[in-house]
Amino acid sequence: MTVHTLHPAPRVILVNAGAADRYTDTWSDPDLRCEIGPQLSCAEADDLAEILTELGAPEAGHAWLLAHARADDEGDRHDHLREEGIREYGE
């Protein structure tokens, strides 16, 4: 018996533009990224980067991945970004 699963369509929500701008401004802070990024799990970093990108701040999303990647070990999901993250934020 073959079971076929359907992937649900992504949920689309409306967000107040002011709230979205405040969110991206807050989470675009380089000091915050530098301090918190290495503490995030790979999934948490991916989720934060994705929501920032969806809210119109893809540079901030990528920066969070770099800040997070500094602490990734060899073979971790963001290991390929580690060197760039260290150059950007230090060790």
Protein backbone atom coordinates (compact mmCIF):
# COMPACT_ATOMS: atom_id res chain seq x y z
CA MET A 1 0.00 0.00 0.00
CA THR A 2 1.38 3.37 -0.98
CA VAL A 3 0.56 6.35 1.15
CA HIS A 4 0.73 9.74 -0.52
CA THR A 5 1.04 12.78 1.64
CA LEU A 6 0.20 16.25 0.54
CA HIS A 7 2.31 19.08 1.74
CA PRO A 8 0.07 21.87 2.92
CA ALA A 9 0.47 25.25 1.30
CA PRO A 10 2.47 27.72 3.37
CA ARG A 11 0.37 29.75 5.74
CA VAL A 12 0.19 33.39 4.79
CA ILE A 13 -0.41 35.93 7.52
CA LEU A 14 -0.86 39.67 7.49
CA VAL A 15 1.51 41.63 9.69
CA ASN A 16 1.32 45.30 10.56
CA ALA A 17 4.13 46.97 8.57
CA GLY A 18 5.25 48.99 11.59
CA ALA A 19 5.55 45.87 13.71
CA ALA A 20 7.48 44.09 10.94
CA ASP A 21 9.85 47.06 10.63
CA ARG A 22 10.44 47.17 14.39
CA TYR A 23 11.08 43.42 14.43
CA THR A 24 13.62 43.59 11.60
CA ASP A 25 15.28 46.67 13.15
CA THR A 26 15.62 44.93 16.52
CA TRP A 27 16.95 41.67 15.09
CA SER A 28 19.31 43.44 12.67
CA ASP A 29 21.48 44.72 15.53
CA PRO A 30 25.06 43.45 14.99
CA ASP A 31 25.84 43.39 18.72
CA LEU A 32 22.79 41.21 19.34
CA ARG A 33 23.81 38.87 16.50
CA CYS A 34 27.36 38.65 17.80
CA GLU A 35 26.28 37.74 21.32
CA ILE A 36 23.31 35.47 20.62
CA GLY A 37 24.13 33.95 17.22
CA PRO A 38 26.64 31.35 18.47
CA GLN A 39 24.17 30.22 21.16
CA LEU A 40 21.43 29.33 18.68
CA SER A 41 20.89 25.85 17.34
CA CYS A 42 21.15 25.44 13.57
CA ALA A 43 17.35 25.16 13.31
CA GLU A 44 16.85 28.33 15.38
CA ALA A 45 19.33 30.26 13.23
CA ASP A 46 17.64 29.02 10.06
CA ASP A 47 14.19 29.99 11.36
CA LEU A 48 15.30 33.48 12.38
CA ALA A 49 17.09 34.01 9.05
CA GLU A 50 14.01 32.84 7.17
CA ILE A 51 11.59 35.15 8.95
CA LEU A 52 13.92 38.14 8.54
CA THR A 53 14.22 37.35 4.84
CA GLU A 54 10.45 37.03 4.47
CA LEU A 55 10.01 40.39 6.23
CA GLY A 56 12.30 42.07 3.71
CA ALA A 57 15.65 41.93 5.51
CA PRO A 58 17.60 39.15 3.73
CA GLU A 59 20.96 40.75 4.58
CA ALA A 60 20.11 40.55 8.28
CA GLY A 61 19.00 36.94 7.86
CA HIS A 62 22.30 35.99 6.24
CA ALA A 63 24.20 37.93 8.91
CA TRP A 64 22.50 35.84 11.62
CA LEU A 65 23.64 32.68 9.87
CA LEU A 66 27.20 34.01 9.78
CA ALA A 67 27.10 34.99 13.45
CA HIS A 68 25.73 31.56 14.34
CA ALA A 69 28.18 29.67 12.12
CA ARG A 70 31.18 30.91 14.11
CA ALA A 71 30.34 28.30 16.74
CA ASP A 72 29.46 25.47 14.36
CA ASP A 73 31.69 22.43 14.44
CA GLU A 74 33.00 20.68 11.36
CA GLY A 75 30.13 18.87 9.70
CA ASP A 76 27.41 21.03 11.26
CA ARG A 77 24.79 22.52 8.97
CA HIS A 78 26.43 25.96 8.72
CA ASP A 79 30.05 24.83 8.83
CA HIS A 80 30.51 26.11 5.27
CA LEU A 81 29.82 29.66 6.58
CA ARG A 82 32.15 29.43 9.59
CA GLU A 83 35.19 31.16 8.09
CA GLU A 84 33.10 34.00 6.68
CA GLY A 85 31.39 34.38 10.06
CA ILE A 86 34.73 34.58 11.87
CA ARG A 87 35.99 37.19 9.41
CA GLU A 88 32.82 39.24 9.96
CA TYR A 89 32.39 38.86 13.74
CA GLY A 90 35.61 37.41 15.14
CA GLU A 91 35.82 34.22 17.12
